[in-house]
Amino acid sequence: RNRLYKWIQKNGCVTECAPQPEKDLIPWVAAYLKRNHKTCSRRT
C-alpha cells in the first residue's frame, strides 16, 4: 500500500522473490549438479 511501492510498480519493475516451487527446484538441482559434472535421477 506504500506510495513508493505503487510508484515503482507503475513506472519501473517490481520483483518479488518468493520461495521456489518444488517442481522448479527439481530440474534446478539436476542442472546445478550437471554444471559440476555430476548427475542424479529425478527421484534422488
PDB file of all heavy atoms in Angstrom:
ATOM      1  N   ARG A   1       0.829  -1.218   0.000  1.00  0.00           N
ATOM      2  CA  ARG A   1       0.000   0.000   0.000  1.00  0.00           C
ATOM      3  C   ARG A   1       0.858   1.260   0.000  1.00  0.00           C
ATOM      4  O   ARG A   1       0.340   2.366  -0.161  1.00  0.00           O
ATOM      5  CB  ARG A   1      -0.905  -0.006   1.235  1.00  0.00           C
ATOM      6  CG  ARG A   1      -1.853  -1.213   1.312  1.00  0.00           C
ATOM      7  CD  ARG A   1      -2.477  -1.314   2.684  1.00  0.00           C
ATOM      8  NE  ARG A   1      -1.461  -1.467   3.726  1.00  0.00           N
ATOM      9  CZ  ARG A   1      -1.729  -1.549   5.014  1.00  0.00           C
ATOM     10  NH1 ARG A   1      -2.984  -1.481   5.430  1.00  0.00           N
ATOM     11  NH2 ARG A   1      -0.754  -1.693   5.897  1.00  0.00           N
ATOM     12  N   ASN A   2       2.144   1.087   0.191  1.00  0.00           N
ATOM     13  CA  ASN A   2       3.083   2.202   0.273  1.00  0.00           C
ATOM     14  C   ASN A   2       3.128   2.984  -1.046  1.00  0.00           C
ATOM     15  O   ASN A   2       3.106   2.406  -2.130  1.00  0.00           O
ATOM     16  CB  ASN A   2       4.467   1.621   0.614  1.00  0.00           C
ATOM     17  CG  ASN A   2       5.563   2.643   0.636  1.00  0.00           C
ATOM     18  OD1 ASN A   2       6.125   2.948  -0.408  1.00  0.00           O
ATOM     19  ND2 ASN A   2       5.898   3.155   1.803  1.00  0.00           N
ATOM     20  N   ARG A   3       3.203   4.304  -0.945  1.00  0.00           N
ATOM     21  CA  ARG A   3       3.185   5.161  -2.141  1.00  0.00           C
ATOM     22  C   ARG A   3       4.370   4.892  -3.047  1.00  0.00           C
ATOM     23  O   ARG A   3       4.247   4.835  -4.284  1.00  0.00           O
ATOM     24  CB  ARG A   3       3.176   6.637  -1.718  1.00  0.00           C
ATOM     25  CG  ARG A   3       3.094   7.588  -2.910  1.00  0.00           C
ATOM     26  CD  ARG A   3       3.198   9.028  -2.469  1.00  0.00           C
ATOM     27  NE  ARG A   3       3.339   9.902  -3.631  1.00  0.00           N
ATOM     28  CZ  ARG A   3       3.993  11.046  -3.619  1.00  0.00           C
ATOM     29  NH1 ARG A   3       4.579  11.460  -2.509  1.00  0.00           N
ATOM     30  NH2 ARG A   3       4.083  11.787  -4.711  1.00  0.00           N
ATOM     31  N   LEU A   4       5.569   4.702  -2.475  1.00  0.00           N
ATOM     32  CA  LEU A   4       6.764   4.456  -3.271  1.00  0.00           C
ATOM     33  C   LEU A   4       6.654   3.122  -4.002  1.00  0.00           C
ATOM     34  O   LEU A   4       7.052   2.994  -5.172  1.00  0.00           O
ATOM     35  CB  LEU A   4       8.007   4.478  -2.375  1.00  0.00           C
ATOM     36  CG  LEU A   4       9.356   4.234  -3.058  1.00  0.00           C
ATOM     37  CD1 LEU A   4       9.599   5.233  -4.187  1.00  0.00           C
ATOM     38  CD2 LEU A   4      10.491   4.290  -2.034  1.00  0.00           C
ATOM     39  N   TYR A   5       6.099   2.111  -3.314  1.00  0.00           N
ATOM     40  CA  TYR A   5       5.900   0.805  -3.963  1.00  0.00           C
ATOM     41  C   TYR A   5       5.003   0.966  -5.188  1.00  0.00           C
ATOM     42  O   TYR A   5       5.314   0.462  -6.274  1.00  0.00           O
ATOM     43  CB  TYR A   5       5.274  -0.169  -2.964  1.00  0.00           C
ATOM     44  CG  TYR A   5       4.936  -1.519  -3.578  1.00  0.00           C
ATOM     45  CD1 TYR A   5       5.845  -2.563  -3.535  1.00  0.00           C
ATOM     46  CD2 TYR A   5       3.710  -1.733  -4.214  1.00  0.00           C
ATOM     47  CE1 TYR A   5       5.551  -3.802  -4.108  1.00  0.00           C
ATOM     48  CE2 TYR A   5       3.406  -2.961  -4.793  1.00  0.00           C
ATOM     49  CZ  TYR A   5       4.327  -3.985  -4.736  1.00  0.00           C
ATOM     50  OH  TYR A   5       4.031  -5.194  -5.320  1.00  0.00           O
ATOM     51  N   LYS A   6       3.884   1.648  -5.016  1.00  0.00           N
ATOM     52  CA  LYS A   6       2.935   1.826  -6.118  1.00  0.00           C
ATOM     53  C   LYS A   6       3.560   2.626  -7.261  1.00  0.00           C
ATOM     54  O   LYS A   6       3.295   2.363  -8.442  1.00  0.00           O
ATOM     55  CB  LYS A   6       1.672   2.514  -5.612  1.00  0.00           C
ATOM     56  CG  LYS A   6       0.846   1.646  -4.674  1.00  0.00           C
ATOM     57  CD  LYS A   6      -0.390   2.385  -4.187  1.00  0.00           C
ATOM     58  CE  LYS A   6      -1.245   1.504  -3.281  1.00  0.00           C
ATOM     59  NZ  LYS A   6      -2.434   2.227  -2.767  1.00  0.00           N
ATOM     60  N   TRP A   7       4.413   3.599  -6.912  1.00  0.00           N
ATOM     61  CA  TRP A   7       5.040   4.423  -7.945  1.00  0.00           C
ATOM     62  C   TRP A   7       5.995   3.580  -8.796  1.00  0.00           C
ATOM     63  O   TRP A   7       5.989   3.682 -10.028  1.00  0.00           O
ATOM     64  CB  TRP A   7       5.783   5.592  -7.301  1.00  0.00           C
ATOM     65  CG  TRP A   7       6.254   6.613  -8.306  1.00  0.00           C
ATOM     66  CD1 TRP A   7       5.571   7.715  -8.745  1.00  0.00           C
ATOM     67  CD2 TRP A   7       7.504   6.615  -9.010  1.00  0.00           C
ATOM     68  NE1 TRP A   7       6.306   8.397  -9.678  1.00  0.00           N
ATOM     69  CE2 TRP A   7       7.501   7.743  -9.861  1.00  0.00           C
ATOM     70  CE3 TRP A   7       8.614   5.780  -8.997  1.00  0.00           C
ATOM     71  CZ2 TRP A   7       8.583   8.054 -10.692  1.00  0.00           C
ATOM     72  CZ3 TRP A   7       9.683   6.075  -9.826  1.00  0.00           C
ATOM     73  CH2 TRP A   7       9.668   7.193 -10.662  1.00  0.00           C
ATOM     74  N   ILE A   8       6.823   2.756  -8.136  1.00  0.00           N
ATOM     75  CA  ILE A   8       7.753   1.913  -8.895  1.00  0.00           C
ATOM     76  C   ILE A   8       6.989   0.850  -9.680  1.00  0.00           C
ATOM     77  O   ILE A   8       7.362   0.504 -10.814  1.00  0.00           O
ATOM     78  CB  ILE A   8       8.805   1.273  -7.967  1.00  0.00           C
ATOM     79  CG1 ILE A   8       9.715   2.367  -7.403  1.00  0.00           C
ATOM     80  CG2 ILE A   8       9.624   0.214  -8.700  1.00  0.00           C
ATOM     81  CD1 ILE A   8      10.852   1.874  -6.555  1.00  0.00           C
ATOM     82  N   GLN A   9       5.925   0.326  -9.104  1.00  0.00           N
ATOM     83  CA  GLN A   9       5.102  -0.641  -9.823  1.00  0.00           C
ATOM     84  C   GLN A   9       4.571  -0.039 -11.124  1.00  0.00           C
ATOM     85  O   GLN A   9       4.484  -0.724 -12.158  1.00  0.00           O
ATOM     86  CB  GLN A   9       3.943  -1.080  -8.933  1.00  0.00           C
ATOM     87  CG  GLN A   9       3.166  -2.281  -9.455  1.00  0.00           C
ATOM     88  CD  GLN A   9       2.105  -2.725  -8.473  1.00  0.00           C
ATOM     89  OE1 GLN A   9       1.384  -1.889  -7.909  1.00  0.00           O
ATOM     90  NE2 GLN A   9       1.989  -4.025  -8.247  1.00  0.00           N
ATOM     91  N   LYS A  10       4.248   1.245 -11.101  1.00  0.00           N
ATOM     92  CA  LYS A  10       3.717   1.925 -12.292  1.00  0.00           C
ATOM     93  C   LYS A  10       4.825   2.384 -13.241  1.00  0.00           C
ATOM     94  O   LYS A  10       4.673   2.289 -14.468  1.00  0.00           O
ATOM     95  CB  LYS A  10       2.888   3.136 -11.854  1.00  0.00           C
ATOM     96  CG  LYS A  10       2.290   3.925 -13.015  1.00  0.00           C
ATOM     97  CD  LYS A  10       1.483   5.115 -12.510  1.00  0.00           C
ATOM     98  CE  LYS A  10       0.921   5.919 -13.677  1.00  0.00           C
ATOM     99  NZ  LYS A  10       0.140   7.100 -13.194  1.00  0.00           N
ATOM    100  N   ASN A  11       5.948   2.831 -12.699  1.00  0.00           N
ATOM    101  CA  ASN A  11       6.983   3.469 -13.514  1.00  0.00           C
ATOM    102  C   ASN A  11       8.251   2.634 -13.692  1.00  0.00           C
ATOM    103  O   ASN A  11       9.155   3.050 -14.412  1.00  0.00           O
ATOM    104  CB  ASN A  11       7.370   4.823 -12.894  1.00  0.00           C
ATOM    105  CG  ASN A  11       6.211   5.789 -12.871  1.00  0.00           C
ATOM    106  OD1 ASN A  11       5.875   6.402 -13.868  1.00  0.00           O
ATOM    107  ND2 ASN A  11       5.579   5.924 -11.699  1.00  0.00           N
ATOM    108  N   GLY A  12       8.318   1.490 -13.025  1.00  0.00           N
ATOM    109  CA  GLY A  12       9.520   0.666 -13.113  1.00  0.00           C
ATOM    110  C   GLY A  12       9.183  -0.802 -13.087  1.00  0.00           C
ATOM    111  O   GLY A  12       8.216  -1.251 -13.698  1.00  0.00           O
ATOM    112  N   CYS A  13       9.972  -1.562 -12.338  1.00  0.00           N
ATOM    113  CA  CYS A  13       9.818  -3.017 -12.294  1.00  0.00           C
ATOM    114  C   CYS A  13       9.927  -3.500 -10.851  1.00  0.00           C
ATOM    115  O   CYS A  13      10.941  -3.249 -10.191  1.00  0.00           O
ATOM    116  CB  CYS A  13      10.895  -3.679 -13.157  1.00  0.00           C
ATOM    117  SG  CYS A  13      10.825  -5.482 -13.190  1.00  0.00           S
ATOM    118  N   VAL A  14       8.889  -4.191 -10.369  1.00  0.00           N
ATOM    119  CA  VAL A  14       8.883  -4.774  -9.030  1.00  0.00           C
ATOM    120  C   VAL A  14       9.052  -6.284  -9.159  1.00  0.00           C
ATOM    121  O   VAL A  14       8.316  -6.939  -9.904  1.00  0.00           O
ATOM    122  CB  VAL A  14       7.572  -4.452  -8.285  1.00  0.00           C
ATOM    123  CG1 VAL A  14       7.533  -5.194  -6.953  1.00  0.00           C
ATOM    124  CG2 VAL A  14       7.434  -2.952  -8.067  1.00  0.00           C
ATOM    125  N   THR A  15      10.025  -6.841  -8.438  1.00  0.00           N
ATOM    126  CA  THR A  15      10.305  -8.278  -8.497  1.00  0.00           C
ATOM    127  C   THR A  15      10.238  -8.862  -7.096  1.00  0.00           C
ATOM    128  O   THR A  15      11.056  -8.527  -6.239  1.00  0.00           O
ATOM    129  CB  THR A  15      11.692  -8.552  -9.106  1.00  0.00           C
ATOM    130  OG1 THR A  15      11.774  -7.953 -10.396  1.00  0.00           O
ATOM    131  CG2 THR A  15      11.941 -10.055  -9.222  1.00  0.00           C
ATOM    132  N   GLU A  16       9.247  -9.719  -6.859  1.00  0.00           N
ATOM    133  CA  GLU A  16       9.134 -10.414  -5.571  1.00  0.00           C
ATOM    134  C   GLU A  16       9.770 -11.792  -5.692  1.00  0.00           C
ATOM    135  O   GLU A  16       9.391 -12.580  -6.559  1.00  0.00           O
ATOM    136  CB  GLU A  16       7.680 -10.565  -5.143  1.00  0.00           C
ATOM    137  CG  GLU A  16       7.539 -11.264  -3.795  1.00  0.00           C
ATOM    138  CD  GLU A  16       6.113 -11.340  -3.292  1.00  0.00           C
ATOM    139  OE1 GLU A  16       5.199 -10.950  -4.042  1.00  0.00           O
ATOM    140  OE2 GLU A  16       5.921 -11.809  -2.153  1.00  0.00           O
ATOM    141  N   CYS A  17      10.736 -12.083  -4.841  1.00  0.00           N
ATOM    142  CA  CYS A  17      11.460 -13.354  -4.880  1.00  0.00           C
ATOM    143  C   CYS A  17      10.891 -14.284  -3.815  1.00  0.00           C
ATOM    144  O   CYS A  17      11.363 -14.322  -2.679  1.00  0.00           O
ATOM    145  CB  CYS A  17      12.952 -13.126  -4.654  1.00  0.00           C
ATOM    146  SG  CYS A  17      13.704 -12.031  -5.882  1.00  0.00           S
ATOM    147  N   ALA A  18       9.863 -15.016  -4.185  1.00  0.00           N
ATOM    148  CA  ALA A  18       9.222 -15.953  -3.274  1.00  0.00           C
ATOM    149  C   ALA A  18       9.971 -17.280  -3.294  1.00  0.00           C
ATOM    150  O   ALA A  18      10.716 -17.566  -4.242  1.00  0.00           O
ATOM    151  CB  ALA A  18       7.770 -16.160  -3.676  1.00  0.00           C
ATOM    152  N   PRO A  19       9.807 -18.111  -2.252  1.00  0.00           N
ATOM    153  CA  PRO A  19      10.391 -19.454  -2.295  1.00  0.00           C
ATOM    154  C   PRO A  19       9.956 -20.185  -3.553  1.00  0.00           C
ATOM    155  O   PRO A  19       8.793 -20.121  -3.953  1.00  0.00           O
ATOM    156  CB  PRO A  19       9.828 -20.117  -1.031  1.00  0.00           C
ATOM    157  CG  PRO A  19       9.567 -18.970  -0.097  1.00  0.00           C
ATOM    158  CD  PRO A  19       9.121 -17.837  -0.966  1.00  0.00           C
ATOM    159  N   GLN A  20      10.889 -20.873  -4.197  1.00  0.00           N
ATOM    160  CA  GLN A  20      10.608 -21.526  -5.469  1.00  0.00           C
ATOM    161  C   GLN A  20       9.796 -22.807  -5.264  1.00  0.00           C
ATOM    162  O   GLN A  20      10.038 -23.552  -4.314  1.00  0.00           O
ATOM    163  CB  GLN A  20      11.919 -21.870  -6.183  1.00  0.00           C
ATOM    164  CG  GLN A  20      12.766 -20.644  -6.520  1.00  0.00           C
ATOM    165  CD  GLN A  20      12.060 -19.718  -7.493  1.00  0.00           C
ATOM    166  OE1 GLN A  20      11.827 -20.054  -8.647  1.00  0.00           O
ATOM    167  NE2 GLN A  20      11.705 -18.530  -7.014  1.00  0.00           N
ATOM    168  N   PRO A  21       8.840 -23.082  -6.152  1.00  0.00           N
ATOM    169  CA  PRO A  21       8.065 -24.327  -6.028  1.00  0.00           C
ATOM    170  C   PRO A  21       8.933 -25.549  -6.301  1.00  0.00           C
ATOM    171  O   PRO A  21       9.906 -25.485  -7.059  1.00  0.00           O
ATOM    172  CB  PRO A  21       6.977 -24.180  -7.097  1.00  0.00           C
ATOM    173  CG  PRO A  21       7.517 -23.181  -8.071  1.00  0.00           C
ATOM    174  CD  PRO A  21       8.382 -22.260  -7.274  1.00  0.00           C
ATOM    175  N   GLU A  22       8.559 -26.663  -5.691  1.00  0.00           N
ATOM    176  CA  GLU A  22       9.339 -27.891  -5.805  1.00  0.00           C
ATOM    177  C   GLU A  22       9.529 -28.319  -7.255  1.00  0.00           C
ATOM    178  O   GLU A  22      10.598 -28.783  -7.644  1.00  0.00           O
ATOM    179  CB  GLU A  22       8.648 -28.996  -5.003  1.00  0.00           C
ATOM    180  CG  GLU A  22       9.426 -30.292  -4.907  1.00  0.00           C
ATOM    181  CD  GLU A  22       8.740 -31.297  -4.005  1.00  0.00           C
ATOM    182  OE1 GLU A  22       7.679 -30.978  -3.443  1.00  0.00           O
ATOM    183  OE2 GLU A  22       9.273 -32.407  -3.855  1.00  0.00           O
ATOM    184  N   LYS A  23       8.468 -28.149  -8.079  1.00  0.00           N
ATOM    185  CA  LYS A  23       8.550 -28.585  -9.477  1.00  0.00           C
ATOM    186  C   LYS A  23       9.627 -27.830 -10.246  1.00  0.00           C
ATOM    187  O   LYS A  23      10.184 -28.354 -11.228  1.00  0.00           O
ATOM    188  CB  LYS A  23       7.195 -28.412 -10.166  1.00  0.00           C
ATOM    189  CG  LYS A  23       6.710 -26.976 -10.300  1.00  0.00           C
ATOM    190  CD  LYS A  23       5.368 -26.921 -10.992  1.00  0.00           C
ATOM    191  CE  LYS A  23       4.853 -25.497 -11.115  1.00  0.00           C
ATOM    192  NZ  LYS A  23       5.729 -24.655 -11.953  1.00  0.00           N
ATOM    193  N   ASP A  24       9.953 -26.611  -9.821  1.00  0.00           N
ATOM    194  CA  ASP A  24      11.023 -25.838 -10.468  1.00  0.00           C
ATOM    195  C   ASP A  24      12.396 -26.166  -9.877  1.00  0.00           C
ATOM    196  O   ASP A  24      13.418 -26.081 -10.574  1.00  0.00           O
ATOM    197  CB  ASP A  24      10.760 -24.335 -10.329  1.00  0.00           C
ATOM    198  CG  ASP A  24       9.541 -23.879 -11.110  1.00  0.00           C
ATOM    199  OD1 ASP A  24       9.136 -24.610 -12.051  1.00  0.00           O
ATOM    200  OD2 ASP A  24       8.980 -22.817 -10.786  1.00  0.00           O
ATOM    201  N   LEU A  25      12.406 -26.529  -8.597  1.00  0.00           N
ATOM    202  CA  LEU A  25      13.688 -26.810  -7.946  1.00  0.00           C
ATOM    203  C   LEU A  25      14.269 -28.165  -8.355  1.00  0.00           C
ATOM    204  O   LEU A  25      15.489 -28.336  -8.355  1.00  0.00           O
ATOM    205  CB  LEU A  25      13.517 -26.769  -6.422  1.00  0.00           C
ATOM    206  CG  LEU A  25      13.376 -25.376  -5.808  1.00  0.00           C
ATOM    207  CD1 LEU A  25      13.083 -25.477  -4.319  1.00  0.00           C
ATOM    208  CD2 LEU A  25      14.631 -24.535  -6.050  1.00  0.00           C
ATOM    209  N   ILE A  26      13.407 -29.116  -8.706  1.00  0.00           N
ATOM    210  CA  ILE A  26      13.904 -30.445  -9.092  1.00  0.00           C
ATOM    211  C   ILE A  26      14.836 -30.348 -10.304  1.00  0.00           C
ATOM    212  O   ILE A  26      15.978 -30.824 -10.247  1.00  0.00           O
ATOM    213  CB  ILE A  26      12.734 -31.417  -9.347  1.00  0.00           C
ATOM    214  CG1 ILE A  26      12.047 -31.757  -8.013  1.00  0.00           C
ATOM    215  CG2 ILE A  26      13.225 -32.704 -10.007  1.00  0.00           C
ATOM    216  CD1 ILE A  26      10.734 -32.488  -8.168  1.00  0.00           C
ATOM    217  N   PRO A  27      14.419 -29.719 -11.429  1.00  0.00           N
ATOM    218  CA  PRO A  27      15.352 -29.570 -12.547  1.00  0.00           C
ATOM    219  C   PRO A  27      16.517 -28.645 -12.222  1.00  0.00           C
ATOM    220  O   PRO A  27      17.615 -28.800 -12.768  1.00  0.00           O
ATOM    221  CB  PRO A  27      14.484 -29.000 -13.681  1.00  0.00           C
ATOM    222  CG  PRO A  27      13.292 -28.417 -13.011  1.00  0.00           C
ATOM    223  CD  PRO A  27      13.059 -29.228 -11.790  1.00  0.00           C
ATOM    224  N   TRP A  28      16.304 -27.683 -11.311  1.00  0.00           N
ATOM    225  CA  TRP A  28      17.385 -26.772 -10.927  1.00  0.00           C
ATOM    226  C   TRP A  28      18.497 -27.543 -10.206  1.00  0.00           C
ATOM    227  O   TRP A  28      19.682 -27.293 -10.443  1.00  0.00           O
ATOM    228  CB  TRP A  28      16.817 -25.668 -10.034  1.00  0.00           C
ATOM    229  CG  TRP A  28      17.819 -24.622  -9.638  1.00  0.00           C
ATOM    230  CD1 TRP A  28      18.266 -23.576 -10.384  1.00  0.00           C
ATOM    231  CD2 TRP A  28      18.505 -24.534  -8.376  1.00  0.00           C
ATOM    232  NE1 TRP A  28      19.188 -22.840  -9.662  1.00  0.00           N
ATOM    233  CE2 TRP A  28      19.343 -23.405  -8.442  1.00  0.00           C
ATOM    234  CE3 TRP A  28      18.477 -25.304  -7.225  1.00  0.00           C
ATOM    235  CZ2 TRP A  28      20.153 -23.023  -7.375  1.00  0.00           C
ATOM    236  CZ3 TRP A  28      19.287 -24.930  -6.151  1.00  0.00           C
ATOM    237  CH2 TRP A  28      20.109 -23.798  -6.238  1.00  0.00           C
ATOM    238  N   VAL A  29      18.117 -28.482  -9.333  1.00  0.00           N
ATOM    239  CA  VAL A  29      19.104 -29.332  -8.648  1.00  0.00           C
ATOM    240  C   VAL A  29      19.903 -30.127  -9.674  1.00  0.00           C
ATOM    241  O   VAL A  29      21.144 -30.186  -9.630  1.00  0.00           O
ATOM    242  CB  VAL A  29      18.405 -30.288  -7.656  1.00  0.00           C
ATOM    243  CG1 VAL A  29      19.359 -31.399  -7.208  1.00  0.00           C
ATOM    244  CG2 VAL A  29      17.905 -29.520  -6.439  1.00  0.00           C
ATOM    245  N   ALA A  30      19.196 -30.737 -10.638  1.00  0.00           N
ATOM    246  CA  ALA A  30      19.866 -31.535 -11.667  1.00  0.00           C
ATOM    247  C   ALA A  30      20.812 -30.669 -12.496  1.00  0.00           C
ATOM    248  O   ALA A  30      21.930 -31.090 -12.829  1.00  0.00           O
ATOM    249  CB  ALA A  30      18.830 -32.206 -12.568  1.00  0.00           C
ATOM    250  N   ALA A  31      20.375 -29.445 -12.828  1.00  0.00           N
ATOM    251  CA  ALA A  31      21.207 -28.544 -13.637  1.00  0.00           C
ATOM    252  C   ALA A  31      22.451 -28.111 -12.863  1.00  0.00           C
ATOM    253  O   ALA A  31      23.548 -28.004 -13.437  1.00  0.00           O
ATOM    254  CB  ALA A  31      20.389 -27.329 -14.064  1.00  0.00           C
ATOM    255  N   TYR A  32      22.296 -27.846 -11.556  1.00  0.00           N
ATOM    256  CA  TYR A  32      23.445 -27.444 -10.736  1.00  0.00           C
ATOM    257  C   TYR A  32      24.477 -28.569 -10.690  1.00  0.00           C
ATOM    258  O   TYR A  32      25.695 -28.320 -10.830  1.00  0.00           O
ATOM    259  CB  TYR A  32      22.984 -27.085  -9.323  1.00  0.00           C
ATOM    260  CG  TYR A  32      24.073 -26.487  -8.460  1.00  0.00           C
ATOM    261  CD1 TYR A  32      24.281 -25.114  -8.452  1.00  0.00           C
ATOM    262  CD2 TYR A  32      24.895 -27.292  -7.664  1.00  0.00           C
ATOM    263  CE1 TYR A  32      25.286 -24.556  -7.662  1.00  0.00           C
ATOM    264  CE2 TYR A  32      25.894 -26.742  -6.877  1.00  0.00           C
ATOM    265  CZ  TYR A  32      26.089 -25.376  -6.881  1.00  0.00           C
ATOM    266  OH  TYR A  32      27.090 -24.828  -6.105  1.00  0.00           O
ATOM    267  N   LEU A  33      24.005 -29.793 -10.502  1.00  0.00           N
ATOM    268  CA  LEU A  33      24.924 -30.930 -10.485  1.00  0.00           C
ATOM    269  C   LEU A  33      25.597 -31.120 -11.840  1.00  0.00           C
ATOM    270  O   LEU A  33      26.793 -31.416 -11.921  1.00  0.00           O
ATOM    271  CB  LEU A  33      24.173 -32.200 -10.081  1.00  0.00           C
ATOM    272  CG  LEU A  33      23.720 -32.282  -8.620  1.00  0.00           C
ATOM    273  CD1 LEU A  33      22.845 -33.513  -8.399  1.00  0.00           C
ATOM    274  CD2 LEU A  33      24.918 -32.307  -7.664  1.00  0.00           C
ATOM    275  N   LYS A  34      24.832 -30.926 -12.907  1.00  0.00           N
ATOM    276  CA  LYS A  34      25.376 -31.102 -14.250  1.00  0.00           C
ATOM    277  C   LYS A  34      26.504 -30.115 -14.522  1.00  0.00           C
ATOM    278  O   LYS A  34      27.519 -30.463 -15.141  1.00  0.00           O
ATOM    279  CB  LYS A  34      24.268 -30.937 -15.294  1.00  0.00           C
ATOM    280  CG  LYS A  34      24.713 -31.234 -16.717  1.00  0.00           C
ATOM    281  CD  LYS A  34      23.547 -31.126 -17.692  1.00  0.00           C
ATOM    282  CE  LYS A  34      24.018 -31.440 -19.122  1.00  0.00           C
ATOM    283  NZ  LYS A  34      22.894 -31.333 -20.087  1.00  0.00           N
ATOM    284  N   ARG A  35      26.339 -28.860 -14.053  1.00  0.00           N
ATOM    285  CA  ARG A  35      27.396 -27.855 -14.237  1.00  0.00           C
ATOM    286  C   ARG A  35      28.672 -28.262 -13.516  1.00  0.00           C
ATOM    287  O   ARG A  35      29.764 -27.778 -13.844  1.00  0.00           O
ATOM    288  CB  ARG A  35      26.920 -26.481 -13.734  1.00  0.00           C
ATOM    289  CG  ARG A  35      25.897 -25.826 -14.625  1.00  0.00           C
ATOM    290  CD  ARG A  35      25.759 -24.345 -14.311  1.00  0.00           C
ATOM    291  NE  ARG A  35      25.319 -24.092 -12.946  1.00  0.00           N
ATOM    292  CZ  ARG A  35      24.047 -24.021 -12.577  1.00  0.00           C
ATOM    293  NH1 ARG A  35      23.092 -24.204 -13.480  1.00  0.00           N
ATOM    294  NH2 ARG A  35      23.726 -23.775 -11.327  1.00  0.00           N
ATOM    295  N   ASN A  36      28.533 -29.128 -12.528  1.00  0.00           N
ATOM    296  CA  ASN A  36      29.687 -29.616 -11.773  1.00  0.00           C
ATOM    297  C   ASN A  36      30.022 -31.067 -12.133  1.00  0.00           C
ATOM    298  O   ASN A  36      30.619 -31.792 -11.341  1.00  0.00           O
ATOM    299  CB  ASN A  36      29.418 -29.478 -10.272  1.00  0.00           C
ATOM    300  CG  ASN A  36      29.418 -28.031  -9.810  1.00  0.00           C
ATOM    301  OD1 ASN A  36      30.462 -27.464  -9.521  1.00  0.00           O
ATOM    302  ND2 ASN A  36      28.238 -27.426  -9.766  1.00  0.00           N
ATOM    303  N   HIS A  37      29.588 -31.455 -13.341  1.00  0.00           N
ATOM    304  CA  HIS A  37      29.941 -32.768 -13.924  1.00  0.00           C
ATOM    305  C   HIS A  37      29.399 -33.935 -13.106  1.00  0.00           C
ATOM    306  O   HIS A  37      30.045 -34.976 -12.978  1.00  0.00           O
ATOM    307  CB  HIS A  37      31.464 -32.885 -14.084  1.00  0.00           C
ATOM    308  CG  HIS A  37      32.091 -31.673 -14.715  1.00  0.00           C
ATOM    309  ND1 HIS A  37      31.858 -31.307 -16.020  1.00  0.00           N
ATOM    310  CD2 HIS A  37      32.922 -30.721 -14.196  1.00  0.00           C
ATOM    311  CE1 HIS A  37      32.521 -30.192 -16.294  1.00  0.00           C
ATOM    312  NE2 HIS A  37      33.175 -29.816 -15.202  1.00  0.00           N
ATOM    313  N   LYS A  38      28.194 -33.740 -12.533  1.00  0.00           N
ATOM    314  CA  LYS A  38      27.526 -34.799 -11.780  1.00  0.00           C
ATOM    315  C   LYS A  38      26.127 -35.012 -12.342  1.00  0.00           C
ATOM    316  O   LYS A  38      25.541 -34.131 -12.973  1.00  0.00           O
ATOM    317  CB  LYS A  38      27.422 -34.432 -10.296  1.00  0.00           C
ATOM    318  CG  LYS A  38      28.751 -34.175  -9.600  1.00  0.00           C
ATOM    319  CD  LYS A  38      29.549 -35.451  -9.415  1.00  0.00           C
ATOM    320  CE  LYS A  38      30.862 -35.161  -8.690  1.00  0.00           C
ATOM    321  NZ  LYS A  38      31.680 -36.392  -8.528  1.00  0.00           N
ATOM    322  N   THR A  39      25.566 -36.184 -12.077  1.00  0.00           N
ATOM    323  CA  THR A  39      24.193 -36.481 -12.477  1.00  0.00           C
ATOM    324  C   THR A  39      23.433 -37.058 -11.293  1.00  0.00           C
ATOM    325  O   THR A  39      24.036 -37.558 -10.332  1.00  0.00           O
ATOM    326  CB  THR A  39      24.142 -37.502 -13.632  1.00  0.00           C
ATOM    327  OG1 THR A  39      24.719 -38.743 -13.177  1.00  0.00           O
ATOM    328  CG2 THR A  39      24.905 -37.005 -14.845  1.00  0.00           C
ATOM    329  N   CYS A  40      22.113 -36.994 -11.376  1.00  0.00           N
ATOM    330  CA  CYS A  40      21.274 -37.670 -10.390  1.00  0.00           C
ATOM    331  C   CYS A  40      19.928 -37.954 -11.036  1.00  0.00           C
ATOM    332  O   CYS A  40      19.518 -37.265 -11.979  1.00  0.00           O
ATOM    333  CB  CYS A  40      21.105 -36.845  -9.124  1.00  0.00           C
ATOM    334  SG  CYS A  40      19.980 -35.451  -9.276  1.00  0.00           S
ATOM    335  N   SER A  41      19.234 -38.956 -10.534  1.00  0.00           N
ATOM    336  CA  SER A  41      17.899 -39.262 -11.045  1.00  0.00           C
ATOM    337  C   SER A  41      16.912 -38.243 -10.502  1.00  0.00           C
ATOM    338  O   SER A  41      17.182 -37.542  -9.513  1.00  0.00           O
ATOM    339  CB  SER A  41      17.476 -40.667 -10.616  1.00  0.00           C
ATOM    340  OG  SER A  41      17.295 -40.712  -9.206  1.00  0.00           O
ATOM    341  N   ARG A  42      15.745 -38.169 -11.133  1.00  0.00           N
ATOM    342  CA  ARG A  42      14.704 -37.272 -10.644  1.00  0.00           C
ATOM    343  C   ARG A  42      14.314 -37.652  -9.217  1.00  0.00           C
ATOM    344  O   ARG A  42      14.114 -36.783  -8.369  1.00  0.00           O
ATOM    345  CB  ARG A  42      13.480 -37.333 -11.559  1.00  0.00           C
ATOM    346  CG  ARG A  42      12.343 -36.423 -11.103  1.00  0.00           C
ATOM    347  CD  ARG A  42      11.121 -36.522 -11.990  1.00  0.00           C
ATOM    348  NE  ARG A  42      10.055 -35.669 -11.482  1.00  0.00           N
ATOM    349  CZ  ARG A  42       9.928 -34.381 -11.747  1.00  0.00           C
ATOM    350  NH1 ARG A  42      10.799 -33.784 -12.544  1.00  0.00           N
ATOM    351  NH2 ARG A  42       8.927 -33.675 -11.232  1.00  0.00           N
ATOM    352  N   ARG A  43      14.225 -38.954  -8.955  1.00  0.00           N
ATOM    353  CA  ARG A  43      13.842 -39.417  -7.618  1.00  0.00           C
ATOM    354  C   ARG A  43      14.864 -38.969  -6.573  1.00  0.00           C
ATOM    355  O   ARG A  43      14.503 -38.577  -5.464  1.00  0.00           O
ATOM    356  CB  ARG A  43      13.703 -40.944  -7.607  1.00  0.00           C
ATOM    357  CG  ARG A  43      13.191 -41.494  -6.280  1.00  0.00           C
ATOM    358  CD  ARG A  43      13.001 -43.001  -6.344  1.00  0.00           C
ATOM    359  NE  ARG A  43      12.603 -43.550  -5.063  1.00  0.00           N
ATOM    360  CZ  ARG A  43      11.363 -43.614  -4.615  1.00  0.00           C
ATOM    361  NH1 ARG A  43      10.385 -43.150  -5.362  1.00  0.00           N
ATOM    362  NH2 ARG A  43      11.080 -44.130  -3.429  1.00  0.00           N
ATOM    363  N   THR A  44      16.160 -38.997  -6.927  1.00  0.00           N
ATOM    364  CA  THR A  44      17.190 -38.555  -5.991  1.00  0.00           C
ATOM    365  C   THR A  44      17.072 -37.062  -5.736  1.00  0.00           C
ATOM    366  O   THR A  44      17.224 -36.598  -4.596  1.00  0.00           O
ATOM    367  CB  THR A  44      18.588 -38.893  -6.523  1.00  0.00           C
ATOM    368  OG1 THR A  44      18.718 -40.310  -6.649  1.00  0.00           O
ATOM    369  CG2 THR A  44      19.675 -38.381  -5.588  1.00  0.00           C
TER     370      THR A  44
END
